[in-house]
Amino acid sequence: MIRQSKKDAILELKNTGMSLRKIARTLKVSRNTITKILKDPDEAAPHRESRHEEHVPLIRDLFKECKGNAVRVAEELESRHQITIPYQSLTWIMRKHEIRKRKKRRAGQYHFKPGQEMQHDTSPHQVTIDGKKVSAQCASLTLAFSRKLFIQYYPRFTRFECKVFLSKAFDFMDGVCSRCIVDNTSVIVAGGTGPDALIAPEMKYFADMYQTGFVAHAVGDANRSARVERPFHFVENNFLPGRTFVSWHDLNRQAIDWCRNTSDKRSNGLWDDTG
């Protein structure tokens, strides 16, 4: 007989829009079993109690503090309060007590070949450093095929910081793709926009050293801009919630650890993030 925790996991993954094939592969359950559970969810998820429900007020407070990210809630429960709740049990408690609303299923996919494209952009974030809120520029590089992500933070972002960041990013990725999609800001683009953009000579020389090339996406191109900008939503709702930092070095050290140990799970297909 399949355990209730696995039934709950099937329902949770299906609500995120994951396909039956991927659920079966992830949980090592046959598709026939998954179909039976989905046909009768009331029977699959009977009324029950959990010994962890005594922590609901704390879970609710951490959920707000962590901006709705259940993974961060689980991490903070363990690190701050020495309370370990299995992720499946935590999400079940959140659904039962209506702490978290169901996410809408995303539609649409983009397809890239390995090594074909990487995408770079920056976004301003508010972070807490040494007890003070400061404005920081978050720089990101994403591999379009695997969605592997690298981020770092800077007080400002000029061409100097851009070259420093991309050098670290290329090293983190163990290589480069043949082209790098960027927005139309003056850090990399000297003039023009989209197909008519003129890449600044020093940035073109920098790209040539790494045998890649910068390509500015067309203004208003939703297919490009959404792909480039989406990682910042991911960072703001998964890396930053509930975190504080003692220095810029500490901020970027934690960012690298998060990219390597948490974000990379998404690029390995453990999280469903198509769209």
C-alpha atoms as a PDB file:
ATOM      1  CA  MET A   1       0.000   0.000   0.000  1.00  0.00           C
ATOM      2  CA  ILE A   2       1.317   3.444  -0.914  1.00  0.00           C
ATOM      3  CA  ARG A   3       2.083   5.669   2.058  1.00  0.00           C
ATOM      4  CA  GLN A   4      -0.059   8.734   2.729  1.00  0.00           C
ATOM      5  CA  SER A   5       2.970  11.020   2.573  1.00  0.00           C
ATOM      6  CA  LYS A   6       3.625   9.869  -0.993  1.00  0.00           C
ATOM      7  CA  LYS A   7      -0.025  10.408  -1.920  1.00  0.00           C
ATOM      8  CA  ASP A   8       0.234  13.952  -0.590  1.00  0.00           C
ATOM      9  CA  ALA A   9       3.397  14.473  -2.629  1.00  0.00           C
ATOM     10  CA  ILE A  10       1.631  13.286  -5.810  1.00  0.00           C
ATOM     11  CA  LEU A  11      -1.201  15.766  -5.268  1.00  0.00           C
ATOM     12  CA  GLU A  12       1.227  18.580  -4.476  1.00  0.00           C
ATOM     13  CA  LEU A  13       3.371  17.975  -7.581  1.00  0.00           C
ATOM     14  CA  LYS A  14       0.312  17.696  -9.807  1.00  0.00           C
ATOM     15  CA  ASN A  15      -0.941  21.049  -8.490  1.00  0.00           C
ATOM     16  CA  THR A  16       2.330  22.643  -9.638  1.00  0.00           C
ATOM     17  CA  GLY A  17       1.628  21.447 -13.191  1.00  0.00           C
ATOM     18  CA  MET A  18       4.157  18.617 -13.296  1.00  0.00           C
ATOM     19  CA  SER A  19       3.384  15.900 -15.841  1.00  0.00           C
ATOM     20  CA  LEU A  20       2.406  12.361 -14.799  1.00  0.00           C
ATOM     21  CA  ARG A  21       5.561  10.995 -16.413  1.00  0.00           C
ATOM     22  CA  LYS A  22       7.764  13.361 -14.411  1.00  0.00           C
ATOM     23  CA  ILE A  23       5.871  12.666 -11.155  1.00  0.00           C
ATOM     24  CA  ALA A  24       6.300   8.928 -11.730  1.00  0.00           C
ATOM     25  CA  ARG A  25      10.018   9.328 -12.390  1.00  0.00           C
ATOM     26  CA  THR A  26      10.546  11.668  -9.415  1.00  0.00           C
ATOM     27  CA  LEU A  27       8.631   9.606  -6.835  1.00  0.00           C
ATOM     28  CA  LYS A  28       9.303   6.172  -8.403  1.00  0.00           C
ATOM     29  CA  VAL A  29       5.583   5.366  -8.633  1.00  0.00           C
ATOM     30  CA  SER A  30       3.767   3.867 -11.613  1.00  0.00           C
ATOM     31  CA  ARG A  31       1.569   6.179 -13.697  1.00  0.00           C
ATOM     32  CA  ASN A  32      -1.398   3.869 -13.145  1.00  0.00           C
ATOM     33  CA  THR A  33      -1.097   4.376  -9.398  1.00  0.00           C
ATOM     34  CA  ILE A  34      -0.804   8.146  -9.850  1.00  0.00           C
ATOM     35  CA  THR A  35      -3.915   8.170 -12.067  1.00  0.00           C
ATOM     36  CA  LYS A  36      -5.941   6.258  -9.441  1.00  0.00           C
ATOM     37  CA  ILE A  37      -4.906   8.689  -6.716  1.00  0.00           C
ATOM     38  CA  LEU A  38      -5.731  11.727  -8.854  1.00  0.00           C
ATOM     39  CA  LYS A  39      -9.158  10.320  -9.756  1.00  0.00           C
ATOM     40  CA  ASP A  40     -10.155  10.106  -6.087  1.00  0.00           C
ATOM     41  CA  PRO A  41      -8.203  12.789  -4.199  1.00  0.00           C
ATOM     42  CA  ASP A  42     -10.631  12.751  -1.244  1.00  0.00           C
ATOM     43  CA  GLU A  43      -9.834   9.116  -0.596  1.00  0.00           C
ATOM     44  CA  ALA A  44      -6.142   9.751  -1.252  1.00  0.00           C
ATOM     45  CA  ALA A  45      -6.008  12.541   1.311  1.00  0.00           C
ATOM     46  CA  PRO A  46      -8.266  11.661   4.232  1.00  0.00           C
ATOM     47  CA  HIS A  47      -8.689  13.860   7.261  1.00  0.00           C
ATOM     48  CA  ARG A  48      -5.794  13.385   9.623  1.00  0.00           C
ATOM     49  CA  GLU A  49      -3.776  15.143  12.245  1.00  0.00           C
ATOM     50  CA  SER A  50      -0.059  15.820  12.399  1.00  0.00           C
ATOM     51  CA  ARG A  51       2.071  16.112  15.498  1.00  0.00           C
ATOM     52  CA  HIS A  52       3.704  19.135  13.856  1.00  0.00           C
ATOM     53  CA  GLU A  53       0.460  21.154  13.785  1.00  0.00           C
ATOM     54  CA  GLU A  54       1.304  22.663  17.162  1.00  0.00           C
ATOM     55  CA  HIS A  55       3.816  24.804  15.238  1.00  0.00           C
ATOM     56  CA  VAL A  56       1.197  26.347  12.913  1.00  0.00           C
ATOM     57  CA  PRO A  57       1.479  29.906  14.406  1.00  0.00           C
ATOM     58  CA  LEU A  58       5.260  29.804  13.988  1.00  0.00           C
ATOM     59  CA  ILE A  59       4.944  28.376  10.467  1.00  0.00           C
ATOM     60  CA  ARG A  60       2.488  31.137   9.572  1.00  0.00           C
ATOM     61  CA  ASP A  61       4.868  33.868  10.835  1.00  0.00           C
ATOM     62  CA  LEU A  62       7.875  32.374   9.025  1.00  0.00           C
ATOM     63  CA  PHE A  63       5.803  31.971   5.862  1.00  0.00           C
ATOM     64  CA  LYS A  64       5.206  35.741   5.827  1.00  0.00           C
ATOM     65  CA  GLU A  65       8.814  36.522   6.704  1.00  0.00           C
ATOM     66  CA  CYS A  66      10.107  34.203   3.979  1.00  0.00           C
ATOM     67  CA  LYS A  67       7.675  35.652   1.420  1.00  0.00           C
ATOM     68  CA  GLY A  68       5.776  32.434   0.840  1.00  0.00           C
ATOM     69  CA  ASN A  69       8.744  30.149   0.247  1.00  0.00           C
ATOM     70  CA  ALA A  70       8.160  26.794   1.939  1.00  0.00           C
ATOM     71  CA  VAL A  71      11.758  25.637   1.452  1.00  0.00           C
ATOM     72  CA  ARG A  72      13.046  28.671   3.371  1.00  0.00           C
ATOM     73  CA  VAL A  73      10.401  28.109   6.071  1.00  0.00           C
ATOM     74  CA  ALA A  74      11.694  24.560   6.579  1.00  0.00           C
ATOM     75  CA  GLU A  75      15.293  25.812   6.711  1.00  0.00           C
ATOM     76  CA  GLU A  76      14.488  28.548   9.251  1.00  0.00           C
ATOM     77  CA  LEU A  77      12.450  26.179  11.424  1.00  0.00           C
ATOM     78  CA  GLU A  78      15.467  23.918  11.710  1.00  0.00           C
ATOM     79  CA  SER A  79      18.217  26.564  12.015  1.00  0.00           C
ATOM     80  CA  ARG A  80      16.419  28.966  14.382  1.00  0.00           C
ATOM     81  CA  HIS A  81      14.105  26.728  16.379  1.00  0.00           C
ATOM     82  CA  GLN A  82      15.630  23.244  16.016  1.00  0.00           C
ATOM     83  CA  ILE A  83      12.300  22.020  14.622  1.00  0.00           C
ATOM     84  CA  THR A  84      12.584  19.493  11.800  1.00  0.00           C
ATOM     85  CA  ILE A  85       9.443  18.976   9.737  1.00  0.00           C
ATOM     86  CA  PRO A  86       9.578  16.856   6.549  1.00  0.00           C
ATOM     87  CA  TYR A  87       8.852  19.011   3.505  1.00  0.00           C
ATOM     88  CA  GLN A  88       5.827  16.924   2.497  1.00  0.00           C
ATOM     89  CA  SER A  89       4.347  17.299   5.992  1.00  0.00           C
ATOM     90  CA  LEU A  90       5.068  21.032   5.996  1.00  0.00           C
ATOM     91  CA  THR A  91       3.277  21.645   2.685  1.00  0.00           C
ATOM     92  CA  TRP A  92       0.356  19.472   3.861  1.00  0.00           C
ATOM     93  CA  ILE A  93       0.037  21.620   7.005  1.00  0.00           C
ATOM     94  CA  MET A  94       0.166  24.782   4.866  1.00  0.00           C
ATOM     95  CA  ARG A  95      -2.635  23.505   2.630  1.00  0.00           C
ATOM     96  CA  LYS A  96      -4.791  22.293   5.530  1.00  0.00           C
ATOM     97  CA  HIS A  97      -4.519  25.585   7.421  1.00  0.00           C
ATOM     98  CA  GLU A  98      -4.740  27.675   4.237  1.00  0.00           C
ATOM     99  CA  ILE A  99      -1.365  29.274   4.856  1.00  0.00           C
ATOM    100  CA  ARG A 100      -0.380  28.999   1.213  1.00  0.00           C
ATOM    101  CA  LYS A 101      -2.578  29.425  -1.847  1.00  0.00           C
ATOM    102  CA  ARG A 102      -2.219  27.053  -4.775  1.00  0.00           C
ATOM    103  CA  LYS A 103      -0.028  28.318  -7.562  1.00  0.00           C
ATOM    104  CA  LYS A 104      -1.441  28.756 -11.030  1.00  0.00           C
ATOM    105  CA  ARG A 105      -0.033  26.425 -13.643  1.00  0.00           C
ATOM    106  CA  ARG A 106       2.373  28.067 -16.047  1.00  0.00           C
ATOM    107  CA  ALA A 107       1.999  27.631 -19.792  1.00  0.00           C
ATOM    108  CA  GLY A 108       4.531  27.659 -22.628  1.00  0.00           C
ATOM    109  CA  GLN A 109       8.109  26.461 -22.962  1.00  0.00           C
ATOM    110  CA  TYR A 110      11.331  27.695 -24.512  1.00  0.00           C
ATOM    111  CA  HIS A 111      13.770  25.297 -26.154  1.00  0.00           C
ATOM    112  CA  PHE A 112      17.549  25.752 -26.372  1.00  0.00           C
ATOM    113  CA  LYS A 113      20.373  23.391 -27.232  1.00  0.00           C
ATOM    114  CA  PRO A 114      23.240  22.836 -24.767  1.00  0.00           C
ATOM    115  CA  GLY A 115      25.903  25.511 -25.152  1.00  0.00           C
ATOM    116  CA  GLN A 116      23.704  27.625 -27.420  1.00  0.00           C
ATOM    117  CA  GLU A 117      22.824  30.540 -25.182  1.00  0.00           C
ATOM    118  CA  MET A 118      23.379  32.156 -21.795  1.00  0.00           C
ATOM    119  CA  GLN A 119      21.568  35.229 -20.492  1.00  0.00           C
ATOM    120  CA  HIS A 120      22.816  38.097 -18.318  1.00  0.00           C
ATOM    121  CA  ASP A 121      20.931  40.884 -16.583  1.00  0.00           C
ATOM    122  CA  THR A 122      20.918  43.000 -13.412  1.00  0.00           C
ATOM    123  CA  SER A 123      18.169  44.095 -11.031  1.00  0.00           C
ATOM    124  CA  PRO A 124      18.055  46.316  -7.914  1.00  0.00           C
ATOM    125  CA  HIS A 125      17.270  44.479  -4.669  1.00  0.00           C
ATOM    126  CA  GLN A 126      16.850  45.605  -1.089  1.00  0.00           C
ATOM    127  CA  VAL A 127      19.087  43.555   1.218  1.00  0.00           C
ATOM    128  CA  THR A 128      19.958  43.767   4.921  1.00  0.00           C
ATOM    129  CA  ILE A 129      23.686  44.124   5.589  1.00  0.00           C
ATOM    130  CA  ASP A 130      24.975  44.573   9.139  1.00  0.00           C
ATOM    131  CA  GLY A 131      21.471  45.419  10.324  1.00  0.00           C
ATOM    132  CA  LYS A 132      20.837  48.099   7.679  1.00  0.00           C
ATOM    133  CA  LYS A 133      18.704  47.898   4.543  1.00  0.00           C
ATOM    134  CA  VAL A 134      20.708  48.894   1.483  1.00  0.00           C
ATOM    135  CA  SER A 135      20.077  48.952  -2.250  1.00  0.00           C
ATOM    136  CA  ALA A 136      22.195  46.428  -4.137  1.00  0.00           C
ATOM    137  CA  GLN A 137      22.537  45.488  -7.774  1.00  0.00           C
ATOM    138  CA  CYS A 138      21.954  41.767  -8.301  1.00  0.00           C
ATOM    139  CA  ALA A 139      23.813  40.455 -11.352  1.00  0.00           C
ATOM    140  CA  SER A 140      22.783  37.106 -12.802  1.00  0.00           C
ATOM    141  CA  LEU A 141      23.943  34.715 -15.491  1.00  0.00           C
ATOM    142  CA  THR A 142      21.656  31.856 -16.556  1.00  0.00           C
ATOM    143  CA  LEU A 143      22.336  28.974 -18.917  1.00  0.00           C
ATOM    144  CA  ALA A 144      19.307  28.818 -21.225  1.00  0.00           C
ATOM    145  CA  PHE A 145      19.330  25.044 -21.661  1.00  0.00           C
ATOM    146  CA  SER A 146      19.809  23.853 -18.067  1.00  0.00           C
ATOM    147  CA  ARG A 147      18.693  27.077 -16.310  1.00  0.00           C
ATOM    148  CA  LYS A 148      21.771  26.856 -14.086  1.00  0.00           C
ATOM    149  CA  LEU A 149      22.042  30.180 -12.282  1.00  0.00           C
ATOM    150  CA  PHE A 150      24.845  32.303 -10.827  1.00  0.00           C
ATOM    151  CA  ILE A 151      24.288  35.554  -8.912  1.00  0.00           C
ATOM    152  CA  GLN A 152      26.391  38.156  -7.117  1.00  0.00           C
ATOM    153  CA  TYR A 153      25.614  41.532  -5.505  1.00  0.00           C
ATOM    154  CA  TYR A 154      27.349  44.889  -5.930  1.00  0.00           C
ATOM    155  CA  PRO A 155      26.810  48.418  -4.522  1.00  0.00           C
ATOM    156  CA  ARG A 156      26.929  49.658  -8.135  1.00  0.00           C
ATOM    157  CA  PHE A 157      27.307  47.979 -11.517  1.00  0.00           C
ATOM    158  CA  THR A 158      29.629  49.554 -14.086  1.00  0.00           C
ATOM    159  CA  ARG A 159      31.575  47.885 -16.877  1.00  0.00           C
ATOM    160  CA  PHE A 160      34.312  47.063 -14.375  1.00  0.00           C
ATOM    161  CA  GLU A 161      31.889  45.179 -12.067  1.00  0.00           C
ATOM    162  CA  CYS A 162      30.305  43.587 -15.124  1.00  0.00           C
ATOM    163  CA  LYS A 163      33.622  42.097 -16.270  1.00  0.00           C
ATOM    164  CA  VAL A 164      34.445  40.949 -12.727  1.00  0.00           C
ATOM    165  CA  PHE A 165      31.035  39.312 -12.390  1.00  0.00           C
ATOM    166  CA  LEU A 166      31.062  37.586 -15.778  1.00  0.00           C
ATOM    167  CA  SER A 167      34.586  36.266 -15.182  1.00  0.00           C
ATOM    168  CA  LYS A 168      33.378  34.665 -11.922  1.00  0.00           C
ATOM    169  CA  ALA A 169      30.209  33.414 -13.615  1.00  0.00           C
ATOM    170  CA  PHE A 170      32.071  31.769 -16.503  1.00  0.00           C
ATOM    171  CA  ASP A 171      34.352  30.067 -13.989  1.00  0.00           C
ATOM    172  CA  PHE A 172      31.338  28.889 -11.949  1.00  0.00           C
ATOM    173  CA  MET A 173      29.704  27.493 -15.101  1.00  0.00           C
ATOM    174  CA  ASP A 174      32.957  25.812 -16.203  1.00  0.00           C
ATOM    175  CA  GLY A 175      32.712  27.470 -19.609  1.00  0.00           C
ATOM    176  CA  VAL A 176      30.667  29.762 -21.841  1.00  0.00           C
ATOM    177  CA  CYS A 177      27.937  29.520 -24.470  1.00  0.00           C
ATOM    178  CA  SER A 178      28.296  30.815 -28.007  1.00  0.00           C
ATOM    179  CA  ARG A 179      26.146  33.877 -27.319  1.00  0.00           C
ATOM    180  CA  CYS A 180      25.078  35.899 -24.294  1.00  0.00           C
ATOM    181  CA  ILE A 181      21.715  37.676 -24.384  1.00  0.00           C
ATOM    182  CA  VAL A 182      21.727  41.037 -22.554  1.00  0.00           C
ATOM    183  CA  ASP A 183      19.337  43.936 -22.110  1.00  0.00           C
ATOM    184  CA  ASN A 184      19.849  47.343 -23.733  1.00  0.00           C
ATOM    185  CA  THR A 185      21.520  49.223 -20.866  1.00  0.00           C
ATOM    186  CA  SER A 186      24.685  51.228 -21.402  1.00  0.00           C
ATOM    187  CA  VAL A 187      26.880  48.896 -19.333  1.00  0.00           C
ATOM    188  CA  ILE A 188      27.381  46.601 -22.326  1.00  0.00           C
ATOM    189  CA  VAL A 189      25.578  48.407 -25.172  1.00  0.00           C
ATOM    190  CA  ALA A 190      27.200  51.618 -26.417  1.00  0.00           C
ATOM    191  CA  GLY A 191      24.276  52.639 -28.628  1.00  0.00           C
ATOM    192  CA  GLY A 192      21.151  51.424 -30.418  1.00  0.00           C
ATOM    193  CA  THR A 193      18.814  48.655 -29.296  1.00  0.00           C
ATOM    194  CA  GLY A 194      18.012  45.051 -30.181  1.00  0.00           C
ATOM    195  CA  PRO A 195      19.400  43.927 -33.562  1.00  0.00           C
ATOM    196  CA  ASP A 196      20.820  47.429 -34.138  1.00  0.00           C
ATOM    197  CA  ALA A 197      22.661  47.570 -30.801  1.00  0.00           C
ATOM    198  CA  LEU A 198      26.347  48.494 -30.864  1.00  0.00           C
ATOM    199  CA  ILE A 199      28.329  46.634 -28.216  1.00  0.00           C
ATOM    200  CA  ALA A 200      30.864  48.814 -26.371  1.00  0.00           C
ATOM    201  CA  PRO A 201      34.372  48.101 -27.746  1.00  0.00           C
ATOM    202  CA  GLU A 202      35.873  47.089 -24.369  1.00  0.00           C
ATOM    203  CA  MET A 203      32.971  44.696 -23.766  1.00  0.00           C
ATOM    204  CA  LYS A 204      33.302  43.226 -27.254  1.00  0.00           C
ATOM    205  CA  TYR A 205      36.996  42.669 -26.591  1.00  0.00           C
ATOM    206  CA  PHE A 206      36.142  41.042 -23.267  1.00  0.00           C
ATOM    207  CA  ALA A 207      33.643  38.701 -24.988  1.00  0.00           C
ATOM    208  CA  ASP A 208      36.176  37.830 -27.696  1.00  0.00           C
ATOM    209  CA  MET A 209      38.663  36.725 -25.016  1.00  0.00           C
ATOM    210  CA  TYR A 210      36.126  34.161 -23.835  1.00  0.00           C
ATOM    211  CA  GLN A 211      35.044  33.236 -27.386  1.00  0.00           C
ATOM    212  CA  THR A 212      31.456  34.355 -26.892  1.00  0.00           C
ATOM    213  CA  GLY A 213      29.404  37.309 -28.096  1.00  0.00           C
ATOM    214  CA  PHE A 214      26.882  39.741 -26.599  1.00  0.00           C
ATOM    215  CA  VAL A 215      23.460  40.021 -28.277  1.00  0.00           C
ATOM    216  CA  ALA A 216      20.905  42.602 -27.090  1.00  0.00           C
ATOM    217  CA  HIS A 217      17.297  41.404 -27.115  1.00  0.00           C
ATOM    218  CA  ALA A 218      14.755  43.568 -28.930  1.00  0.00           C
ATOM    219  CA  VAL A 219      12.930  46.113 -26.795  1.00  0.00           C
ATOM    220  CA  GLY A 220       9.562  44.673 -25.737  1.00  0.00           C
ATOM    221  CA  ASP A 221      10.458  41.125 -26.804  1.00  0.00           C
ATOM    222  CA  ALA A 222       8.555  39.217 -24.115  1.00  0.00           C
ATOM    223  CA  ASN A 223      10.049  35.869 -25.081  1.00  0.00           C
ATOM    224  CA  ARG A 224      13.546  37.199 -24.418  1.00  0.00           C
ATOM    225  CA  SER A 225      13.010  39.676 -21.581  1.00  0.00           C
ATOM    226  CA  ALA A 226      10.903  37.280 -19.510  1.00  0.00           C
ATOM    227  CA  ARG A 227      13.561  34.575 -19.759  1.00  0.00           C
ATOM    228  CA  VAL A 228      16.322  37.005 -18.781  1.00  0.00           C
ATOM    229  CA  GLU A 229      14.376  38.658 -15.937  1.00  0.00           C
ATOM    230  CA  ARG A 230      12.659  35.588 -14.407  1.00  0.00           C
ATOM    231  CA  PRO A 231      15.699  34.544 -12.324  1.00  0.00           C
ATOM    232  CA  PHE A 232      15.325  37.735 -10.262  1.00  0.00           C
ATOM    233  CA  HIS A 233      11.823  36.728  -9.198  1.00  0.00           C
ATOM    234  CA  PHE A 234      13.288  33.359  -8.252  1.00  0.00           C
ATOM    235  CA  VAL A 235      16.116  34.994  -6.271  1.00  0.00           C
ATOM    236  CA  GLU A 236      13.839  37.473  -4.459  1.00  0.00           C
ATOM    237  CA  ASN A 237      11.445  34.730  -3.396  1.00  0.00           C
ATOM    238  CA  ASN A 238      13.920  31.920  -2.671  1.00  0.00           C
ATOM    239  CA  PHE A 239      17.326  33.330  -1.730  1.00  0.00           C
ATOM    240  CA  LEU A 240      16.603  36.630   0.036  1.00  0.00           C
ATOM    241  CA  PRO A 241      13.577  35.810   2.267  1.00  0.00           C
ATOM    242  CA  GLY A 242      14.567  35.447   5.910  1.00  0.00           C
ATOM    243  CA  ARG A 243      18.279  36.079   5.290  1.00  0.00           C
ATOM    244  CA  THR A 244      20.514  38.796   6.712  1.00  0.00           C
ATOM    245  CA  PHE A 245      24.191  39.430   6.022  1.00  0.00           C
ATOM    246  CA  VAL A 246      27.072  40.869   8.023  1.00  0.00           C
ATOM    247  CA  SER A 247      28.975  42.217   4.990  1.00  0.00           C
ATOM    248  CA  TRP A 248      29.028  42.319   1.201  1.00  0.00           C
ATOM    249  CA  HIS A 249      31.491  39.428   1.293  1.00  0.00           C
ATOM    250  CA  ASP A 250      29.077  37.414   3.452  1.00  0.00           C
ATOM    251  CA  LEU A 251      26.201  38.248   1.079  1.00  0.00           C
ATOM    252  CA  ASN A 252      28.088  37.005  -1.967  1.00  0.00           C
ATOM    253  CA  ARG A 253      29.441  33.960  -0.129  1.00  0.00           C
ATOM    254  CA  GLN A 254      25.890  32.933   0.813  1.00  0.00           C
ATOM    255  CA  ALA A 255      24.766  33.653  -2.768  1.00  0.00           C
ATOM    256  CA  ILE A 256      27.385  31.265  -4.166  1.00  0.00           C
ATOM    257  CA  ASP A 257      26.456  28.566  -1.629  1.00  0.00           C
ATOM    258  CA  TRP A 258      22.787  28.986  -2.563  1.00  0.00           C
ATOM    259  CA  CYS A 259      23.552  28.776  -6.297  1.00  0.00           C
ATOM    260  CA  ARG A 260      25.584  25.627  -5.780  1.00  0.00           C
ATOM    261  CA  ASN A 261      23.440  23.790  -3.205  1.00  0.00           C
ATOM    262  CA  THR A 262      19.867  25.046  -3.704  1.00  0.00           C
ATOM    263  CA  SER A 263      19.335  26.773  -7.048  1.00  0.00           C
ATOM    264  CA  ASP A 264      21.195  24.056  -8.933  1.00  0.00           C
ATOM    265  CA  LYS A 265      18.486  21.554  -7.916  1.00  0.00           C
ATOM    266  CA  ARG A 266      16.135  23.430 -10.236  1.00  0.00           C
ATOM    267  CA  SER A 267      18.553  23.175 -13.165  1.00  0.00           C
ATOM    268  CA  ASN A 268      18.858  19.443 -12.479  1.00  0.00           C
ATOM    269  CA  GLY A 269      15.103  19.025 -12.963  1.00  0.00           C
ATOM    270  CA  LEU A 270      14.146  18.530  -9.309  1.00  0.00           C
ATOM    271  CA  TRP A 271      11.908  21.611  -9.405  1.00  0.00           C
ATOM    272  CA  ASP A 272       9.309  22.163 -12.105  1.00  0.00           C
ATOM    273  CA  ASP A 273       9.827  25.677 -13.490  1.00  0.00           C
ATOM    274  CA  THR A 274       8.772  25.559 -17.134  1.00  0.00           C
ATOM    275  CA  GLY A 275       7.133  28.563 -18.700  1.00  0.00           C
END
